[in-house]
């Protein structure tokens, strides 16, 4: 465990039990959400690679145009 994480837990230990439980639920949900995000991203690699290939092919065929942020 890193020193910063140890410090965060030490501070959390000072909270009343209800707030500790609230903090713990929040932290666990954040960790689960991050895990879901990582899994979703990992599972989308084939689709992203296919989209990238399609975009490159469209560019090679001259079917794209430069993006002008002022026209968005």
C-alpha atoms as a PDB file:
ATOM      1  CA  UNK A   1       0.000   0.000   0.000  1.00  0.00           C
ATOM      2  CA  UNK A   2       1.335   3.428  -0.857  1.00  0.00           C
ATOM      3  CA  UNK A   3       1.933   6.095   1.754  1.00  0.00           C
ATOM      4  CA  UNK A   4      -0.766   8.292   0.247  1.00  0.00           C
ATOM      5  CA  UNK A   5      -3.334   5.502   0.437  1.00  0.00           C
ATOM      6  CA  UNK A   6      -2.283   4.785   4.021  1.00  0.00           C
ATOM      7  CA  UNK A   7      -2.765   8.465   4.814  1.00  0.00           C
ATOM      8  CA  UNK A   8      -6.234   8.431   3.237  1.00  0.00           C
ATOM      9  CA  UNK A   9      -7.266   5.400   5.289  1.00  0.00           C
ATOM     10  CA  UNK A  10      -5.823   6.939   8.453  1.00  0.00           C
ATOM     11  CA  UNK A  11      -7.973  10.023   7.866  1.00  0.00           C
ATOM     12  CA  UNK A  12     -11.007   7.897   7.089  1.00  0.00           C
ATOM     13  CA  UNK A  13     -10.537   6.047  10.387  1.00  0.00           C
ATOM     14  CA  UNK A  14     -11.143   9.324  12.195  1.00  0.00           C
ATOM     15  CA  UNK A  15     -14.648   9.645  10.714  1.00  0.00           C
ATOM     16  CA  UNK A  16     -17.755   8.440  12.527  1.00  0.00           C
ATOM     17  CA  UNK A  17     -18.783   4.869  11.629  1.00  0.00           C
ATOM     18  CA  UNK A  18     -21.643   5.997   9.383  1.00  0.00           C
ATOM     19  CA  UNK A  19     -19.316   8.212   7.357  1.00  0.00           C
ATOM     20  CA  UNK A  20     -16.672   5.472   7.206  1.00  0.00           C
ATOM     21  CA  UNK A  21     -19.265   3.108   5.745  1.00  0.00           C
ATOM     22  CA  UNK A  22     -20.383   5.761   3.266  1.00  0.00           C
ATOM     23  CA  UNK A  23     -16.773   6.364   2.236  1.00  0.00           C
ATOM     24  CA  UNK A  24     -16.168   2.621   1.900  1.00  0.00           C
ATOM     25  CA  UNK A  25     -19.254   2.151  -0.288  1.00  0.00           C
ATOM     26  CA  UNK A  26     -18.167   5.045  -2.487  1.00  0.00           C
ATOM     27  CA  UNK A  27     -14.621   3.698  -2.812  1.00  0.00           C
ATOM     28  CA  UNK A  28     -15.792   0.179  -3.629  1.00  0.00           C
ATOM     29  CA  UNK A  29     -18.218   1.471  -6.243  1.00  0.00           C
ATOM     30  CA  UNK A  30     -15.477   3.585  -7.832  1.00  0.00           C
ATOM     31  CA  UNK A  31     -13.191   0.559  -8.001  1.00  0.00           C
ATOM     32  CA  UNK A  32     -15.956  -1.565  -9.534  1.00  0.00           C
ATOM     33  CA  UNK A  33     -16.765   1.177 -12.046  1.00  0.00           C
ATOM     34  CA  UNK A  34     -13.111   1.413 -13.044  1.00  0.00           C
ATOM     35  CA  UNK A  35     -12.972  -2.351 -13.465  1.00  0.00           C
ATOM     36  CA  UNK A  36     -16.096  -2.291 -15.660  1.00  0.00           C
ATOM     37  CA  UNK A  37     -14.611   0.522 -17.756  1.00  0.00           C
ATOM     38  CA  UNK A  38     -11.349  -1.371 -18.214  1.00  0.00           C
ATOM     39  CA  UNK A  39     -13.238  -4.512 -19.216  1.00  0.00           C
ATOM     40  CA  UNK A  40     -15.437  -2.644 -21.667  1.00  0.00           C
ATOM     41  CA  UNK A  41     -12.401  -0.991 -23.235  1.00  0.00           C
ATOM     42  CA  UNK A  42     -10.523  -4.288 -23.457  1.00  0.00           C
ATOM     43  CA  UNK A  43     -13.516  -5.926 -25.130  1.00  0.00           C
ATOM     44  CA  UNK A  44     -13.814  -3.141 -27.697  1.00  0.00           C
ATOM     45  CA  UNK A  45     -10.307  -3.360 -29.154  1.00  0.00           C
ATOM     46  CA  UNK A  46     -11.360  -5.326 -32.247  1.00  0.00           C
ATOM     47  CA  UNK A  47     -14.170  -2.902 -33.007  1.00  0.00           C
ATOM     48  CA  UNK A  48     -11.891   0.101 -32.487  1.00  0.00           C
ATOM     49  CA  UNK A  49      -9.228  -1.409 -34.759  1.00  0.00           C
ATOM     50  CA  UNK A  50     -11.848  -1.992 -37.452  1.00  0.00           C
ATOM     51  CA  UNK A  51     -13.117   1.596 -37.182  1.00  0.00           C
ATOM     52  CA  UNK A  52      -9.548   2.897 -37.412  1.00  0.00           C
ATOM     53  CA  UNK A  53      -8.926   0.852 -40.557  1.00  0.00           C
ATOM     54  CA  UNK A  54     -12.128   2.158 -42.113  1.00  0.00           C
ATOM     55  CA  UNK A  55     -11.142   5.746 -41.310  1.00  0.00           C
ATOM     56  CA  UNK A  56      -7.683   5.269 -42.807  1.00  0.00           C
ATOM     57  CA  UNK A  57      -9.174   3.762 -45.960  1.00  0.00           C
ATOM     58  CA  UNK A  58     -11.610   6.669 -46.318  1.00  0.00           C
ATOM     59  CA  UNK A  59      -8.685   9.085 -45.996  1.00  0.00           C
ATOM     60  CA  UNK A  60      -6.671   7.187 -48.621  1.00  0.00           C
ATOM     61  CA  UNK A  61      -9.669   7.418 -50.944  1.00  0.00           C
ATOM     62  CA  UNK A  62      -9.892  11.175 -50.398  1.00  0.00           C
ATOM     63  CA  UNK A  63     -13.299  10.934 -48.746  1.00  0.00           C
ATOM     64  CA  UNK A  64     -12.315  12.954 -45.678  1.00  0.00           C
ATOM     65  CA  UNK A  65     -11.711  16.624 -45.018  1.00  0.00           C
ATOM     66  CA  UNK A  66      -9.677  18.498 -42.413  1.00  0.00           C
ATOM     67  CA  UNK A  67     -11.475  19.316 -39.206  1.00  0.00           C
ATOM     68  CA  UNK A  68     -11.886  23.020 -38.610  1.00  0.00           C
ATOM     69  CA  UNK A  69     -12.682  23.620 -34.905  1.00  0.00           C
ATOM     70  CA  UNK A  70     -14.124  27.030 -35.758  1.00  0.00           C
ATOM     71  CA  UNK A  71     -16.831  25.354 -37.812  1.00  0.00           C
ATOM     72  CA  UNK A  72     -17.990  22.946 -35.115  1.00  0.00           C
END
